[in-house]
Structure formats: structure tokens, C-alpha cells
Amino acid sequence: MSVLAKRRGFRGDGDYDDGVHYTPDNGASATLTFTGTGITYYTETNSDEGTVGISIDGVAKGTVSAVSATRQAQQPLSAISGLPAASTPSP
């Protein structure tokens, strides 16, 4: 089991709320619950980042690379729209 760590208020790199959630473990995962017909995935990119797999309701939506030559905060790497509206959020 991987644990996501959160750090706030120390970086000054332009992160949302000056904080990050991260794990140093390859293969770690995070689950987010949202309500809406679309979502955009924002993340930091840098030379020490990797590839992220994205799925919604168990359906793979592809992978994106978070690798870049320099550290950049709040980069929109994936946008998915046209999802069906649900009466209740997914678990």
C-alpha cells in the first residue's frame, strides 16, 4: 500500500495552495471522486517525474507524461469531457 504525502507552504513553485500531494513509490495510485461531466488533470512536470495512467470508472483513458526539462507547476496534462451526468457521485 502506498501512502500519499502532502506538503504545504514550503515550495513557492506556483503550486495550487503552495502544496503538493505525492508518493515516491512507483505504481502508486490515487482515487478522486468528482461530480460533473468533465475533469482536467493538473500536475507538476519535471525531469524527475514519470508517466501517469488515467482511468474513469474503471475505464482506461490513456497515459500522459509528466516529464519536462524544467520544473513547471499546474500543468494541464489531460482533459476529459462529455462524461454522462450522474445523479450521485461515483464511489
C-alpha atoms as a PDB file:
ATOM      1  CA  MET A   1       0.000   0.000   0.000  1.00  0.00           C
ATOM      2  CA  SER A   2       1.363   3.404  -0.937  1.00  0.00           C
ATOM      3  CA  VAL A   3       0.765   6.447   1.190  1.00  0.00           C
ATOM      4  CA  LEU A   4       0.371   9.841  -0.442  1.00  0.00           C
ATOM      5  CA  ALA A   5       2.178  12.558   1.467  1.00  0.00           C
ATOM      6  CA  LYS A   6       1.136  16.198   1.456  1.00  0.00           C
ATOM      7  CA  ARG A   7       3.376  19.175   1.943  1.00  0.00           C
ATOM      8  CA  ARG A   8       2.092  22.740   2.093  1.00  0.00           C
ATOM      9  CA  GLY A   9       3.583  26.171   2.244  1.00  0.00           C
ATOM     10  CA  PHE A  10       7.208  25.419   1.612  1.00  0.00           C
ATOM     11  CA  ARG A  11       7.906  25.319  -2.096  1.00  0.00           C
ATOM     12  CA  GLY A  12       6.984  28.604  -3.685  1.00  0.00           C
ATOM     13  CA  ASP A  13       6.957  26.919  -7.114  1.00  0.00           C
ATOM     14  CA  GLY A  14       3.461  28.092  -8.096  1.00  0.00           C
ATOM     15  CA  ASP A  15       1.605  25.020  -6.851  1.00  0.00           C
ATOM     16  CA  TYR A  16      -2.094  25.405  -6.063  1.00  0.00           C
ATOM     17  CA  ASP A  17      -2.326  26.450  -2.403  1.00  0.00           C
ATOM     18  CA  ASP A  18       1.520  26.190  -2.376  1.00  0.00           C
ATOM     19  CA  GLY A  19       1.281  22.472  -1.675  1.00  0.00           C
ATOM     20  CA  VAL A  20       1.681  19.092  -3.309  1.00  0.00           C
ATOM     21  CA  HIS A  21       0.455  15.529  -2.820  1.00  0.00           C
ATOM     22  CA  TYR A  22       2.980  12.935  -3.885  1.00  0.00           C
ATOM     23  CA  THR A  23       4.420   9.480  -3.372  1.00  0.00           C
ATOM     24  CA  PRO A  24       7.920   8.238  -4.109  1.00  0.00           C
ATOM     25  CA  ASP A  25       6.537   4.740  -4.896  1.00  0.00           C
ATOM     26  CA  ASN A  26       6.394   3.527  -8.497  1.00  0.00           C
ATOM     27  CA  GLY A  27       2.995   2.024  -9.258  1.00  0.00           C
ATOM     28  CA  ALA A  28       1.176   4.021  -6.565  1.00  0.00           C
ATOM     29  CA  SER A  29      -2.360   5.188  -7.235  1.00  0.00           C
ATOM     30  CA  ALA A  30      -4.813   7.803  -6.063  1.00  0.00           C
ATOM     31  CA  THR A  31      -8.590   7.848  -6.342  1.00  0.00           C
ATOM     32  CA  LEU A  32     -10.549  11.069  -6.697  1.00  0.00           C
ATOM     33  CA  THR A  33     -14.310  11.450  -6.527  1.00  0.00           C
ATOM     34  CA  PHE A  34     -15.921  14.226  -8.537  1.00  0.00           C
ATOM     35  CA  THR A  35     -19.300  15.247  -9.825  1.00  0.00           C
ATOM     36  CA  GLY A  36     -19.557  16.708 -13.308  1.00  0.00           C
ATOM     37  CA  THR A  37     -19.349  15.908 -16.985  1.00  0.00           C
ATOM     38  CA  GLY A  38     -15.642  16.589 -17.339  1.00  0.00           C
ATOM     39  CA  ILE A  39     -12.358  16.809 -15.498  1.00  0.00           C
ATOM     40  CA  THR A  40      -8.874  18.196 -16.125  1.00  0.00           C
ATOM     41  CA  TYR A  41      -5.788  16.640 -14.538  1.00  0.00           C
ATOM     42  CA  TYR A  42      -3.197  19.212 -13.448  1.00  0.00           C
ATOM     43  CA  THR A  43       0.213  18.210 -12.153  1.00  0.00           C
ATOM     44  CA  GLU A  44       3.789  19.266 -11.820  1.00  0.00           C
ATOM     45  CA  THR A  45       6.170  18.326 -14.602  1.00  0.00           C
ATOM     46  CA  ASN A  46       9.935  17.921 -14.265  1.00  0.00           C
ATOM     47  CA  SER A  47      12.807  15.661 -15.284  1.00  0.00           C
ATOM     48  CA  ASP A  48      12.229  13.500 -12.172  1.00  0.00           C
ATOM     49  CA  GLU A  49       8.543  12.824 -12.927  1.00  0.00           C
ATOM     50  CA  GLY A  50       7.104   9.922 -14.932  1.00  0.00           C
ATOM     51  CA  THR A  51       4.111   8.544 -16.779  1.00  0.00           C
ATOM     52  CA  VAL A  52       0.597   8.701 -15.339  1.00  0.00           C
ATOM     53  CA  GLY A  53      -2.232   6.353 -16.276  1.00  0.00           C
ATOM     54  CA  ILE A  54      -5.724   7.823 -16.193  1.00  0.00           C
ATOM     55  CA  SER A  55      -8.982   5.909 -15.838  1.00  0.00           C
ATOM     56  CA  ILE A  56     -12.549   6.907 -15.091  1.00  0.00           C
ATOM     57  CA  ASP A  57     -14.981   4.453 -13.530  1.00  0.00           C
ATOM     58  CA  GLY A  58     -12.502   1.652 -14.241  1.00  0.00           C
ATOM     59  CA  VAL A  59     -12.134   2.503 -17.948  1.00  0.00           C
ATOM     60  CA  ALA A  60      -8.602   3.368 -19.070  1.00  0.00           C
ATOM     61  CA  LYS A  61      -8.404   6.782 -20.738  1.00  0.00           C
ATOM     62  CA  GLY A  62      -4.723   6.586 -21.673  1.00  0.00           C
ATOM     63  CA  THR A  63      -1.420   7.718 -20.253  1.00  0.00           C
ATOM     64  CA  VAL A  64       0.302  11.093 -20.106  1.00  0.00           C
ATOM     65  CA  SER A  65       3.918  12.002 -19.490  1.00  0.00           C
ATOM     66  CA  ALA A  66       4.793  14.417 -16.705  1.00  0.00           C
ATOM     67  CA  VAL A  67       8.411  14.652 -17.848  1.00  0.00           C
ATOM     68  CA  SER A  68       9.780  18.056 -18.862  1.00  0.00           C
ATOM     69  CA  ALA A  69      13.226  19.648 -18.918  1.00  0.00           C
ATOM     70  CA  THR A  70      12.405  22.046 -16.062  1.00  0.00           C
ATOM     71  CA  ARG A  71      10.019  22.075 -13.098  1.00  0.00           C
ATOM     72  CA  GLN A  72       6.628  23.543 -14.038  1.00  0.00           C
ATOM     73  CA  ALA A  73       3.663  23.711 -11.666  1.00  0.00           C
ATOM     74  CA  GLN A  74      -0.041  23.336 -12.509  1.00  0.00           C
ATOM     75  CA  GLN A  75       0.364  21.839 -15.973  1.00  0.00           C
ATOM     76  CA  PRO A  76      -2.892  20.534 -17.540  1.00  0.00           C
ATOM     77  CA  LEU A  77      -1.896  17.108 -18.878  1.00  0.00           C
ATOM     78  CA  SER A  78      -5.286  15.566 -19.577  1.00  0.00           C
ATOM     79  CA  ALA A  79      -8.792  16.913 -20.125  1.00  0.00           C
ATOM     80  CA  ILE A  80     -11.788  14.622 -20.446  1.00  0.00           C
ATOM     81  CA  SER A  81     -15.222  15.980 -21.318  1.00  0.00           C
ATOM     82  CA  GLY A  82     -18.565  14.628 -22.410  1.00  0.00           C
ATOM     83  CA  LEU A  83     -18.993  12.297 -19.450  1.00  0.00           C
ATOM     84  CA  PRO A  84     -22.572  11.346 -18.595  1.00  0.00           C
ATOM     85  CA  ALA A  85     -24.115  13.333 -15.758  1.00  0.00           C
ATOM     86  CA  ALA A  86     -24.797  11.164 -12.722  1.00  0.00           C
ATOM     87  CA  SER A  87     -27.442  11.683 -10.090  1.00  0.00           C
ATOM     88  CA  THR A  88     -24.939  10.712  -7.369  1.00  0.00           C
ATOM     89  CA  PRO A  89     -21.117  10.760  -7.348  1.00  0.00           C
ATOM     90  CA  SER A  90     -19.286   7.535  -8.089  1.00  0.00           C
ATOM     91  CA  PRO A  91     -17.804   5.779  -5.042  1.00  0.00           C
END
